[in-house]
N, C-alpha and C. Protein backbone atom coordinates (compact mmCIF):
# COMPACT_ATOMS: atom_id res chain seq x y z
N MET A 1 100.26 3.42 36.76
CA MET A 1 100.66 3.73 38.18
C MET A 1 101.19 4.87 38.21
N ALA A 2 101.72 5.70 39.33
CA ALA A 2 102.37 6.89 39.35
C ALA A 2 103.73 6.86 39.14
N PHE A 3 104.19 5.50 39.48
CA PHE A 3 105.73 5.01 39.10
C PHE A 3 106.18 4.47 38.19
N SER A 4 105.34 4.11 37.00
CA SER A 4 105.40 3.21 36.02
C SER A 4 106.08 4.23 35.01
N ASN A 5 106.47 5.53 34.97
CA ASN A 5 106.90 6.38 34.18
C ASN A 5 108.40 6.62 34.87
N ILE A 6 108.83 6.09 35.81
CA ILE A 6 110.01 6.37 36.32
C ILE A 6 111.01 5.31 36.21
N LYS A 7 112.05 5.37 35.79
CA LYS A 7 113.06 4.63 35.82
C LYS A 7 113.87 4.49 36.71
N ARG A 8 114.41 3.05 37.12
CA ARG A 8 115.45 3.03 38.14
C ARG A 8 116.82 3.48 37.75
N SER A 9 117.51 4.15 38.54
CA SER A 9 118.81 4.51 38.32
C SER A 9 119.77 3.49 38.20
N ASN A 10 120.93 4.11 37.52
CA ASN A 10 122.21 3.10 37.44
C ASN A 10 123.06 3.57 38.66
N ASP A 11 122.76 4.57 39.38
CA ASP A 11 123.52 5.17 40.37
C ASP A 11 122.84 4.44 41.57
N ARG A 12 123.36 3.27 41.79
CA ARG A 12 122.36 2.55 42.72
C ARG A 12 123.30 1.68 43.95
N TYR A 13 122.57 1.50 45.02
CA TYR A 13 123.07 0.54 46.04
C TYR A 13 122.65 -0.98 46.08
N LEU A 14 121.34 -0.81 45.74
CA LEU A 14 120.57 -2.10 45.87
C LEU A 14 119.81 -1.87 44.29
N GLY A 15 118.55 -1.41 44.35
CA GLY A 15 117.85 -1.72 42.97
C GLY A 15 117.86 -0.32 42.26
N GLY A 16 118.15 0.59 42.89
CA GLY A 16 118.23 2.11 41.95
C GLY A 16 117.00 2.90 41.97
N VAL A 17 116.22 2.13 43.16
CA VAL A 17 114.66 2.82 43.27
C VAL A 17 114.92 4.35 43.65
N LEU A 18 115.54 4.61 44.89
CA LEU A 18 115.75 5.87 45.23
C LEU A 18 116.54 6.74 44.62
N GLY A 19 117.75 6.26 43.61
CA GLY A 19 118.13 6.89 42.71
C GLY A 19 117.44 7.61 41.36
N GLY A 20 116.40 6.48 41.08
CA GLY A 20 115.50 6.97 40.05
C GLY A 20 114.46 7.80 40.48
N ILE A 21 114.00 7.69 41.71
CA ILE A 21 112.91 8.93 42.19
C ILE A 21 113.69 10.07 42.13
N ALA A 22 114.75 10.01 42.68
CA ALA A 22 115.56 11.46 43.12
C ALA A 22 115.91 12.10 41.62
N ASN A 23 116.47 11.31 40.51
CA ASN A 23 116.36 11.64 39.27
C ASN A 23 115.15 12.45 38.78
N HIS A 24 114.21 11.55 38.71
CA HIS A 24 112.77 12.00 38.33
C HIS A 24 112.39 13.34 39.13
N LEU A 25 112.82 13.67 40.18
CA LEU A 25 112.11 14.78 40.90
C LEU A 25 113.23 15.93 40.96
N GLY A 26 114.35 15.57 40.46
CA GLY A 26 115.52 16.63 40.17
C GLY A 26 115.99 16.68 41.47
N TRP A 27 115.96 16.02 42.69
CA TRP A 27 116.83 16.15 44.05
C TRP A 27 118.01 15.47 44.01
N ASN A 28 118.85 15.71 44.92
CA ASN A 28 119.89 15.18 45.19
C ASN A 28 120.00 13.87 45.68
N VAL A 29 120.50 12.75 45.05
CA VAL A 29 120.29 11.42 45.24
C VAL A 29 120.51 10.99 46.91
N TRP A 30 121.65 11.66 47.40
CA TRP A 30 121.68 11.39 48.78
C TRP A 30 120.84 12.00 49.70
N PHE A 31 120.12 13.21 49.51
CA PHE A 31 119.02 13.58 50.33
C PHE A 31 118.09 12.76 50.25
N VAL A 32 117.63 12.24 49.30
CA VAL A 32 116.55 11.23 49.24
C VAL A 32 116.78 9.73 49.69
N ARG A 33 117.95 9.31 49.76
CA ARG A 33 118.32 8.24 50.59
C ARG A 33 118.58 8.36 51.99
N ILE A 34 118.99 9.47 52.35
CA ILE A 34 119.08 9.60 53.88
C ILE A 34 117.84 10.12 54.36
N SER A 35 116.73 10.70 53.76
CA SER A 35 115.46 11.10 54.07
C SER A 35 114.54 9.69 54.31
N TYR A 36 114.99 8.79 53.27
CA TYR A 36 113.95 7.58 53.23
C TYR A 36 114.70 6.76 54.33
N SER A 37 115.80 6.65 54.72
CA SER A 37 116.49 5.87 55.74
C SER A 37 115.61 6.50 57.12
N VAL A 38 115.98 7.67 57.43
CA VAL A 38 115.38 8.34 58.69
C VAL A 38 113.94 7.86 58.62
N LEU A 39 113.18 8.11 57.46
CA LEU A 39 111.65 7.89 57.70
C LEU A 39 111.28 6.48 57.91
N SER A 40 112.17 5.55 57.41
CA SER A 40 112.12 4.15 57.57
C SER A 40 112.75 3.47 59.22
N LEU A 41 113.52 4.21 59.74
CA LEU A 41 113.64 4.20 60.84
C LEU A 41 112.65 4.57 61.93
N ILE A 42 112.09 5.46 61.57
CA ILE A 42 110.95 6.01 62.66
C ILE A 42 110.00 5.19 62.29
N GLY A 43 109.54 4.44 61.25
CA GLY A 43 108.39 3.55 61.06
C GLY A 43 108.99 2.21 61.31
N PHE A 44 109.87 1.85 62.00
CA PHE A 44 110.70 0.36 62.56
C PHE A 44 110.71 -0.11 61.40
N LEU A 45 111.33 0.27 60.12
CA LEU A 45 111.79 -0.53 59.19
C LEU A 45 111.08 -1.24 58.17
N VAL A 46 110.07 -2.03 58.67
CA VAL A 46 109.33 -2.69 58.02
C VAL A 46 108.41 -2.23 56.82
N PRO A 47 107.57 -1.31 57.23
CA PRO A 47 107.05 -0.54 55.99
C PRO A 47 107.98 -0.04 55.14
N GLY A 48 108.84 0.62 55.28
CA GLY A 48 109.77 1.19 54.55
C GLY A 48 110.58 0.02 53.51
N PHE A 49 110.63 -1.13 54.12
CA PHE A 49 111.37 -1.97 53.37
C PHE A 49 110.29 -2.68 52.40
N ILE A 50 108.87 -2.90 52.77
CA ILE A 50 108.03 -3.31 51.80
C ILE A 50 107.87 -2.45 50.57
N VAL A 51 107.70 -1.07 50.97
CA VAL A 51 107.27 -0.02 50.00
C VAL A 51 108.52 -0.24 48.91
N TYR A 52 109.95 -0.31 49.57
CA TYR A 52 110.86 -0.30 48.41
C TYR A 52 110.92 -1.67 47.79
N ILE A 53 110.44 -2.66 48.33
CA ILE A 53 110.51 -3.66 47.39
C ILE A 53 109.57 -3.59 46.48
N ILE A 54 108.41 -3.16 46.69
CA ILE A 54 107.03 -2.70 45.76
C ILE A 54 107.84 -1.99 44.80
N LEU A 55 108.21 -0.76 44.91
CA LEU A 55 108.76 -0.06 44.09
C LEU A 55 109.85 -0.52 43.09
N TRP A 56 110.40 -1.32 43.49
CA TRP A 56 111.70 -2.06 42.86
C TRP A 56 111.07 -2.95 41.66
N THR A 57 109.93 -3.67 42.18
CA THR A 57 109.17 -4.33 41.04
C THR A 57 108.50 -3.45 40.19
N ILE A 58 107.77 -2.57 40.50
CA ILE A 58 106.89 -1.85 39.42
C ILE A 58 107.59 -0.97 38.58
N MET A 59 109.00 -0.41 39.01
CA MET A 59 109.66 0.82 38.08
C MET A 59 110.34 -0.09 37.15
N GLU A 60 110.69 1.06 35.90
CA GLU A 60 111.34 0.08 34.71
C GLU A 60 112.56 0.05 35.02
N LYS A 61 113.29 -0.85 34.39
CA LYS A 61 114.78 -0.53 34.69
C LYS A 61 115.30 0.24 33.70
N PRO A 62 116.84 0.87 34.44
CA PRO A 62 117.52 1.69 33.68
C PRO A 62 118.00 1.06 32.21
N ASP A 63 118.13 2.34 31.41
CA ASP A 63 118.72 2.08 30.12
C ASP A 63 120.19 2.00 30.43
N GLU A 64 120.56 0.48 29.90
CA GLU A 64 122.16 0.28 29.96
C GLU A 64 123.01 0.95 29.00
């Protein structure tokens, strides 16, 4: 999978998924969080929530 080599972040609010994606891409964490939230609101939340849950389950846990 494309996201199997991305680790979730310790800088997290829920599962660390968006923080992990931001770290992997080298982007600002807040930019990714706000962008994802806006896109989820445009899509009426449900698709964004489902994608987040799927990514949360397939991404590796962060190094503690």
